[in-house]
Amino acid sequence: MIDWQIKAETFGTCNCDHWCPCQFEGDPTHYKCEGAEGFRITEGHFGDIDLTGIVAAVVYSWPGPVYKGGGTMQTIINEGTSPEQIDAIERLTRGEETKEASNVWWVYHAMAETILETKIMPIHFEVDIEKRHGLIEIPGILKVTGEPIRNPHDGGEHRVQIRVPNGIEFEVADIGNSHTYSNGDIKLDLENTYGQFNTIDFTGEGPAHNR
């Protein structure tokens, strides 16, 4: 495999309740699975291609749980990214140059029967994991906002984390509330659903904690 590594800050969402059952090996809250994630690479390379600073998003939809397949996914990469960097991000989000089933991108691609053409568009991406704030905005295509969960007593911020020591996506993620609207090739309209804020450290052998 080509030597590669990506360290990134990520913010993602899906249509599940705040306690996404998929993180506990259950079926999604509403059976189907749909959502989006964005990430900014803080340090990364693919062979001798520098990936540091690249921003990208992945939008996806399955008619049922991910493990039953039949999904659709699409990668969107920030404009200004070089052709060589675009090729690298496409390959990695499609699980190429990656040990079988070792990270979430490999699984998503394996469980998708339709891979839509990658789009190159301006992406505005913000994430503050500690504060559970996030934004993915692609003009005319997608907007995802993330915020803390609020308690019903006085509206104060409620902080909760999910820890998966040997997970294929993250070791620790902060969980928040999200709002999502997509008018792109994959339509989404989600209110007050699961929001996830975390870092990743992937190589072709899997996340850092699994290597």
C-alpha atoms as a PDB file:
ATOM      1  CA  MET A   1       0.000   0.000   0.000  1.00  0.00           C
ATOM      2  CA  ILE A   2       0.985   3.615  -0.476  1.00  0.00           C
ATOM      3  CA  ASP A   3       2.226   5.115   2.783  1.00  0.00           C
ATOM      4  CA  TRP A   4      -0.285   7.654   4.075  1.00  0.00           C
ATOM      5  CA  GLN A   5      -1.539   9.293   7.249  1.00  0.00           C
ATOM      6  CA  ILE A   6      -4.286  11.771   8.023  1.00  0.00           C
ATOM      7  CA  LYS A   7      -4.813  13.641  11.260  1.00  0.00           C
ATOM      8  CA  ALA A   8      -7.950  15.753  11.158  1.00  0.00           C
ATOM      9  CA  GLU A   9     -10.632  17.575  13.122  1.00  0.00           C
ATOM     10  CA  THR A  10     -14.078  16.354  12.183  1.00  0.00           C
ATOM     11  CA  PHE A  11     -17.718  17.271  12.674  1.00  0.00           C
ATOM     12  CA  GLY A  12     -20.469  14.968  11.508  1.00  0.00           C
ATOM     13  CA  THR A  13     -24.161  14.298  11.817  1.00  0.00           C
ATOM     14  CA  CYS A  14     -26.712  11.579  11.150  1.00  0.00           C
ATOM     15  CA  ASN A  15     -30.470  11.175  11.439  1.00  0.00           C
ATOM     16  CA  CYS A  16     -30.318   9.262  14.732  1.00  0.00           C
ATOM     17  CA  ASP A  17     -31.277  10.530  18.175  1.00  0.00           C
ATOM     18  CA  HIS A  18     -28.467  11.983  20.283  1.00  0.00           C
ATOM     19  CA  TRP A  19     -27.704   8.482  21.591  1.00  0.00           C
ATOM     20  CA  CYS A  20     -27.008   7.015  18.134  1.00  0.00           C
ATOM     21  CA  PRO A  21     -27.627   3.252  18.498  1.00  0.00           C
ATOM     22  CA  CYS A  22     -25.111   2.500  15.735  1.00  0.00           C
ATOM     23  CA  GLN A  23     -22.303   3.364  18.169  1.00  0.00           C
ATOM     24  CA  PHE A  24     -23.569   0.504  20.353  1.00  0.00           C
ATOM     25  CA  GLU A  25     -23.976  -2.056  17.531  1.00  0.00           C
ATOM     26  CA  GLY A  26     -27.705  -1.411  17.231  1.00  0.00           C
ATOM     27  CA  ASP A  27     -29.839  -0.384  14.276  1.00  0.00           C
ATOM     28  CA  PRO A  28     -30.328   3.336  13.543  1.00  0.00           C
ATOM     29  CA  THR A  29     -33.080   5.191  15.408  1.00  0.00           C
ATOM     30  CA  HIS A  30     -35.292   5.376  12.294  1.00  0.00           C
ATOM     31  CA  TYR A  31     -33.845   2.209  10.693  1.00  0.00           C
ATOM     32  CA  LYS A  32     -32.368   4.031   7.686  1.00  0.00           C
ATOM     33  CA  CYS A  33     -29.050   5.854   7.985  1.00  0.00           C
ATOM     34  CA  GLU A  34     -28.275   9.219   6.417  1.00  0.00           C
ATOM     35  CA  GLY A  35     -26.007  12.117   7.226  1.00  0.00           C
ATOM     36  CA  ALA A  36     -22.816  13.995   6.465  1.00  0.00           C
ATOM     37  CA  GLU A  37     -19.393  14.679   7.874  1.00  0.00           C
ATOM     38  CA  GLY A  38     -16.768  17.322   7.265  1.00  0.00           C
ATOM     39  CA  PHE A  39     -13.098  17.354   8.150  1.00  0.00           C
ATOM     40  CA  ARG A  40     -10.033  19.577   8.042  1.00  0.00           C
ATOM     41  CA  ILE A  41      -6.683  17.812   7.793  1.00  0.00           C
ATOM     42  CA  THR A  42      -4.285  19.243  10.363  1.00  0.00           C
ATOM     43  CA  GLU A  43      -1.428  17.001   9.256  1.00  0.00           C
ATOM     44  CA  GLY A  44      -1.364  14.504   6.425  1.00  0.00           C
ATOM     45  CA  HIS A  45       0.292  12.971   3.407  1.00  0.00           C
ATOM     46  CA  PHE A  46      -0.424  10.413   0.713  1.00  0.00           C
ATOM     47  CA  GLY A  47       2.912   9.145  -0.487  1.00  0.00           C
ATOM     48  CA  ASP A  48       4.841  12.354  -1.162  1.00  0.00           C
ATOM     49  CA  ILE A  49       1.667  14.443  -1.626  1.00  0.00           C
ATOM     50  CA  ASP A  50       1.063  16.904   1.222  1.00  0.00           C
ATOM     51  CA  LEU A  51      -2.576  16.888   2.384  1.00  0.00           C
ATOM     52  CA  THR A  52      -2.256  19.325   5.287  1.00  0.00           C
ATOM     53  CA  GLY A  53      -4.990  21.970   5.333  1.00  0.00           C
ATOM     54  CA  ILE A  54      -7.393  20.225   2.955  1.00  0.00           C
ATOM     55  CA  VAL A  55     -11.098  20.480   3.789  1.00  0.00           C
ATOM     56  CA  ALA A  56     -13.589  17.919   2.517  1.00  0.00           C
ATOM     57  CA  ALA A  57     -17.020  16.492   3.259  1.00  0.00           C
ATOM     58  CA  VAL A  58     -18.781  13.189   2.674  1.00  0.00           C
ATOM     59  CA  VAL A  59     -22.578  12.905   2.328  1.00  0.00           C
ATOM     60  CA  TYR A  60     -24.252   9.523   2.531  1.00  0.00           C
ATOM     61  CA  SER A  61     -27.545   7.663   2.698  1.00  0.00           C
ATOM     62  CA  TRP A  62     -28.585   4.042   3.263  1.00  0.00           C
ATOM     63  CA  PRO A  63     -32.114   2.612   3.078  1.00  0.00           C
ATOM     64  CA  GLY A  64     -31.438   0.670   6.291  1.00  0.00           C
ATOM     65  CA  PRO A  65     -28.519   0.063   8.645  1.00  0.00           C
ATOM     66  CA  VAL A  66     -25.104   0.571   7.051  1.00  0.00           C
ATOM     67  CA  TYR A  67     -24.159  -3.100   7.444  1.00  0.00           C
ATOM     68  CA  LYS A  68     -27.044  -4.137   5.163  1.00  0.00           C
ATOM     69  CA  GLY A  69     -25.591  -2.142   2.270  1.00  0.00           C
ATOM     70  CA  GLY A  70     -27.321  -0.484  -0.653  1.00  0.00           C
ATOM     71  CA  GLY A  71     -26.050   2.976   0.198  1.00  0.00           C
ATOM     72  CA  THR A  72     -25.160   6.085  -1.771  1.00  0.00           C
ATOM     73  CA  MET A  73     -22.218   8.332  -0.956  1.00  0.00           C
ATOM     74  CA  GLN A  74     -20.511  11.378  -2.370  1.00  0.00           C
ATOM     75  CA  THR A  75     -17.272  13.181  -1.571  1.00  0.00           C
ATOM     76  CA  ILE A  76     -17.042  16.963  -1.857  1.00  0.00           C
ATOM     77  CA  ILE A  77     -13.601  18.610  -1.768  1.00  0.00           C
ATOM     78  CA  ASN A  78     -12.803  22.264  -1.212  1.00  0.00           C
ATOM     79  CA  GLU A  79     -11.984  24.323  -4.281  1.00  0.00           C
ATOM     80  CA  GLY A  80      -8.307  25.201  -4.693  1.00  0.00           C
ATOM     81  CA  THR A  81      -7.228  21.636  -3.970  1.00  0.00           C
ATOM     82  CA  SER A  82      -4.727  20.341  -6.526  1.00  0.00           C
ATOM     83  CA  PRO A  83      -5.597  17.450  -8.890  1.00  0.00           C
ATOM     84  CA  GLU A  84      -3.078  15.215  -7.092  1.00  0.00           C
ATOM     85  CA  GLN A  85      -4.610  16.043  -3.706  1.00  0.00           C
ATOM     86  CA  ILE A  86      -8.132  15.487  -5.065  1.00  0.00           C
ATOM     87  CA  ASP A  87      -7.142  12.046  -6.310  1.00  0.00           C
ATOM     88  CA  ALA A  88      -5.658  11.192  -2.904  1.00  0.00           C
ATOM     89  CA  ILE A  89      -8.752  12.304  -0.941  1.00  0.00           C
ATOM     90  CA  GLU A  90     -11.065  10.453  -3.316  1.00  0.00           C
ATOM     91  CA  ARG A  91      -9.073   7.265  -2.919  1.00  0.00           C
ATOM     92  CA  LEU A  92      -8.909   7.505   0.846  1.00  0.00           C
ATOM     93  CA  THR A  93     -12.609   8.287   1.392  1.00  0.00           C
ATOM     94  CA  ARG A  94     -13.329   5.286  -0.829  1.00  0.00           C
ATOM     95  CA  GLY A  95     -11.259   3.029   1.387  1.00  0.00           C
ATOM     96  CA  GLU A  96      -8.416   2.471  -1.059  1.00  0.00           C
ATOM     97  CA  GLU A  97      -4.848   1.823   0.117  1.00  0.00           C
ATOM     98  CA  THR A  98      -6.447   0.715   3.391  1.00  0.00           C
ATOM     99  CA  LYS A  99      -6.454  -2.596   5.240  1.00  0.00           C
ATOM    100  CA  GLU A 100      -9.820  -4.323   4.891  1.00  0.00           C
ATOM    101  CA  ALA A 101     -12.478  -3.062   7.320  1.00  0.00           C
ATOM    102  CA  SER A 102      -9.907  -1.055   9.294  1.00  0.00           C
ATOM    103  CA  ASN A 103     -11.589   2.362   9.160  1.00  0.00           C
ATOM    104  CA  VAL A 104     -15.031   3.855   8.718  1.00  0.00           C
ATOM    105  CA  TRP A 105     -14.363   5.111   5.164  1.00  0.00           C
ATOM    106  CA  TRP A 106     -13.525   1.584   4.011  1.00  0.00           C
ATOM    107  CA  VAL A 107     -16.773   0.297   5.529  1.00  0.00           C
ATOM    108  CA  TYR A 108     -18.930   3.081   4.087  1.00  0.00           C
ATOM    109  CA  HIS A 109     -17.563   2.510   0.596  1.00  0.00           C
ATOM    110  CA  ALA A 110     -17.954  -1.271   0.861  1.00  0.00           C
ATOM    111  CA  MET A 111     -21.573  -0.845   1.941  1.00  0.00           C
ATOM    112  CA  ALA A 112     -22.447   1.656  -0.826  1.00  0.00           C
ATOM    113  CA  GLU A 113     -23.667   0.498  -4.214  1.00  0.00           C
ATOM    114  CA  THR A 114     -23.744   4.002  -5.699  1.00  0.00           C
ATOM    115  CA  ILE A 115     -20.691   6.283  -5.584  1.00  0.00           C
ATOM    116  CA  LEU A 116     -21.621   9.687  -6.960  1.00  0.00           C
ATOM    117  CA  GLU A 117     -19.148  11.856  -8.829  1.00  0.00           C
ATOM    118  CA  THR A 118     -16.904  13.907  -6.569  1.00  0.00           C
ATOM    119  CA  LYS A 119     -17.688  17.628  -6.483  1.00  0.00           C
ATOM    120  CA  ILE A 120     -15.114  20.395  -6.142  1.00  0.00           C
ATOM    121  CA  MET A 121     -16.791  23.347  -4.421  1.00  0.00           C
ATOM    122  CA  PRO A 122     -16.107  26.039  -1.838  1.00  0.00           C
ATOM    123  CA  ILE A 123     -16.556  24.585   1.649  1.00  0.00           C
ATOM    124  CA  HIS A 124     -16.825  26.669   4.803  1.00  0.00           C
ATOM    125  CA  PHE A 125     -15.906  24.407   7.699  1.00  0.00           C
ATOM    126  CA  GLU A 126     -15.692  25.189  11.411  1.00  0.00           C
ATOM    127  CA  VAL A 127     -15.353  22.917  14.414  1.00  0.00           C
ATOM    128  CA  ASP A 128     -14.644  23.412  18.103  1.00  0.00           C
ATOM    129  CA  ILE A 129     -14.714  19.999  19.717  1.00  0.00           C
ATOM    130  CA  GLU A 130     -14.472  21.296  23.289  1.00  0.00           C
ATOM    131  CA  LYS A 131     -17.442  23.647  22.790  1.00  0.00           C
ATOM    132  CA  ARG A 132     -19.404  21.254  20.521  1.00  0.00           C
ATOM    133  CA  HIS A 133     -19.799  23.863  17.810  1.00  0.00           C
ATOM    134  CA  GLY A 134     -19.581  22.972  14.143  1.00  0.00           C
ATOM    135  CA  LEU A 135     -20.473  24.201  10.678  1.00  0.00           C
ATOM    136  CA  ILE A 136     -20.294  22.638   7.234  1.00  0.00           C
ATOM    137  CA  GLU A 137     -21.563  25.015   4.566  1.00  0.00           C
ATOM    138  CA  ILE A 138     -21.406  24.430   0.817  1.00  0.00           C
ATOM    139  CA  PRO A 139     -23.387  27.115  -1.048  1.00  0.00           C
ATOM    140  CA  GLY A 140     -26.527  25.733  -2.668  1.00  0.00           C
ATOM    141  CA  ILE A 141     -25.705  22.178  -1.611  1.00  0.00           C
ATOM    142  CA  LEU A 142     -25.351  21.558   2.106  1.00  0.00           C
ATOM    143  CA  LYS A 143     -25.531  23.230   5.494  1.00  0.00           C
ATOM    144  CA  VAL A 144     -24.913  21.429   8.782  1.00  0.00           C
ATOM    145  CA  THR A 145     -24.748  23.245  12.114  1.00  0.00           C
ATOM    146  CA  GLY A 146     -23.745  21.726  15.435  1.00  0.00           C
ATOM    147  CA  GLU A 147     -24.302  22.935  18.970  1.00  0.00           C
ATOM    148  CA  PRO A 148     -24.293  21.564  22.527  1.00  0.00           C
ATOM    149  CA  ILE A 149     -27.169  19.471  23.814  1.00  0.00           C
ATOM    150  CA  ARG A 150     -29.276  21.550  26.210  1.00  0.00           C
ATOM    151  CA  ASN A 151     -30.831  20.207  29.394  1.00  0.00           C
ATOM    152  CA  PRO A 152     -34.631  20.575  29.721  1.00  0.00           C
ATOM    153  CA  HIS A 153     -34.436  22.212  33.158  1.00  0.00           C
ATOM    154  CA  ASP A 154     -32.771  25.546  32.398  1.00  0.00           C
ATOM    155  CA  GLY A 155     -31.317  25.169  28.907  1.00  0.00           C
ATOM    156  CA  GLY A 156     -27.789  24.773  30.195  1.00  0.00           C
ATOM    157  CA  GLU A 157     -25.191  22.969  28.110  1.00  0.00           C
ATOM    158  CA  HIS A 158     -24.954  19.222  28.638  1.00  0.00           C
ATOM    159  CA  ARG A 159     -21.678  17.549  27.748  1.00  0.00           C
ATOM    160  CA  VAL A 160     -21.545  13.849  26.969  1.00  0.00           C
ATOM    161  CA  GLN A 161     -18.943  11.698  25.216  1.00  0.00           C
ATOM    162  CA  ILE A 162     -18.845   8.282  23.588  1.00  0.00           C
ATOM    163  CA  ARG A 163     -15.643   6.281  24.008  1.00  0.00           C
ATOM    164  CA  VAL A 164     -14.809   3.384  21.682  1.00  0.00           C
ATOM    165  CA  PRO A 165     -11.269   2.236  22.591  1.00  0.00           C
ATOM    166  CA  ASN A 166     -10.863  -0.019  19.547  1.00  0.00           C
ATOM    167  CA  GLY A 167     -13.257   1.723  17.161  1.00  0.00           C
ATOM    168  CA  ILE A 168     -12.709   2.150  13.436  1.00  0.00           C
ATOM    169  CA  GLU A 169     -13.647   5.834  13.496  1.00  0.00           C
ATOM    170  CA  PHE A 170     -12.691   7.468  16.786  1.00  0.00           C
ATOM    171  CA  GLU A 171     -11.573   6.697  20.310  1.00  0.00           C
ATOM    172  CA  VAL A 172     -13.475   9.538  21.986  1.00  0.00           C
ATOM    173  CA  ALA A 173     -16.166  11.765  20.471  1.00  0.00           C
ATOM    174  CA  ASP A 174     -18.132  14.625  21.970  1.00  0.00           C
ATOM    175  CA  ILE A 175     -21.828  14.418  21.177  1.00  0.00           C
ATOM    176  CA  GLY A 176     -24.046  17.394  20.385  1.00  0.00           C
ATOM    177  CA  ASN A 177     -27.177  18.498  18.596  1.00  0.00           C
ATOM    178  CA  SER A 178     -27.253  19.175  14.862  1.00  0.00           C
ATOM    179  CA  HIS A 179     -29.407  20.625  12.092  1.00  0.00           C
ATOM    180  CA  THR A 180     -28.866  19.501   8.505  1.00  0.00           C
ATOM    181  CA  TYR A 181     -30.214  20.499   5.123  1.00  0.00           C
ATOM    182  CA  SER A 182     -28.951  19.223   1.786  1.00  0.00           C
ATOM    183  CA  ASN A 183     -30.323  20.144  -1.615  1.00  0.00           C
ATOM    184  CA  GLY A 184     -27.555  18.318  -3.449  1.00  0.00           C
ATOM    185  CA  ASP A 185     -27.492  14.903  -5.063  1.00  0.00           C
ATOM    186  CA  ILE A 186     -28.304  13.351  -1.674  1.00  0.00           C
ATOM    187  CA  LYS A 187     -31.239  15.129  -0.039  1.00  0.00           C
ATOM    188  CA  LEU A 188     -31.255  15.647   3.731  1.00  0.00           C
ATOM    189  CA  ASP A 189     -33.588  17.516   6.060  1.00  0.00           C
ATOM    190  CA  LEU A 190     -32.770  16.753   9.690  1.00  0.00           C
ATOM    191  CA  GLU A 191     -33.593  18.695  12.854  1.00  0.00           C
ATOM    192  CA  ASN A 192     -32.222  18.143  16.361  1.00  0.00           C
ATOM    193  CA  THR A 193     -30.354  14.956  15.566  1.00  0.00           C
ATOM    194  CA  TYR A 194     -27.027  13.372  16.481  1.00  0.00           C
ATOM    195  CA  GLY A 195     -23.940  15.544  16.161  1.00  0.00           C
ATOM    196  CA  GLN A 196     -20.414  14.174  16.548  1.00  0.00           C
ATOM    197  CA  PHE A 197     -17.219  16.145  17.218  1.00  0.00           C
ATOM    198  CA  ASN A 198     -13.867  14.368  17.266  1.00  0.00           C
ATOM    199  CA  THR A 199     -10.387  13.993  15.849  1.00  0.00           C
ATOM    200  CA  ILE A 200      -9.126  11.183  13.631  1.00  0.00           C
ATOM    201  CA  ASP A 201      -5.667   9.749  13.080  1.00  0.00           C
ATOM    202  CA  PHE A 202      -5.849   7.259  10.206  1.00  0.00           C
ATOM    203  CA  THR A 203      -3.283   5.312   8.218  1.00  0.00           C
ATOM    204  CA  GLY A 204      -3.653   2.389   5.864  1.00  0.00           C
ATOM    205  CA  GLU A 205      -3.458   0.105   8.899  1.00  0.00           C
ATOM    206  CA  GLY A 206      -6.377   1.776  10.678  1.00  0.00           C
ATOM    207  CA  PRO A 207      -6.832   4.386  13.417  1.00  0.00           C
ATOM    208  CA  ALA A 208      -3.882   5.137  15.686  1.00  0.00           C
ATOM    209  CA  HIS A 209      -5.278   3.228  18.669  1.00  0.00           C
ATOM    210  CA  ASN A 210      -5.620   0.060  16.576  1.00  0.00           C
ATOM    211  CA  ARG A 211      -2.089   0.064  15.183  1.00  0.00           C
END
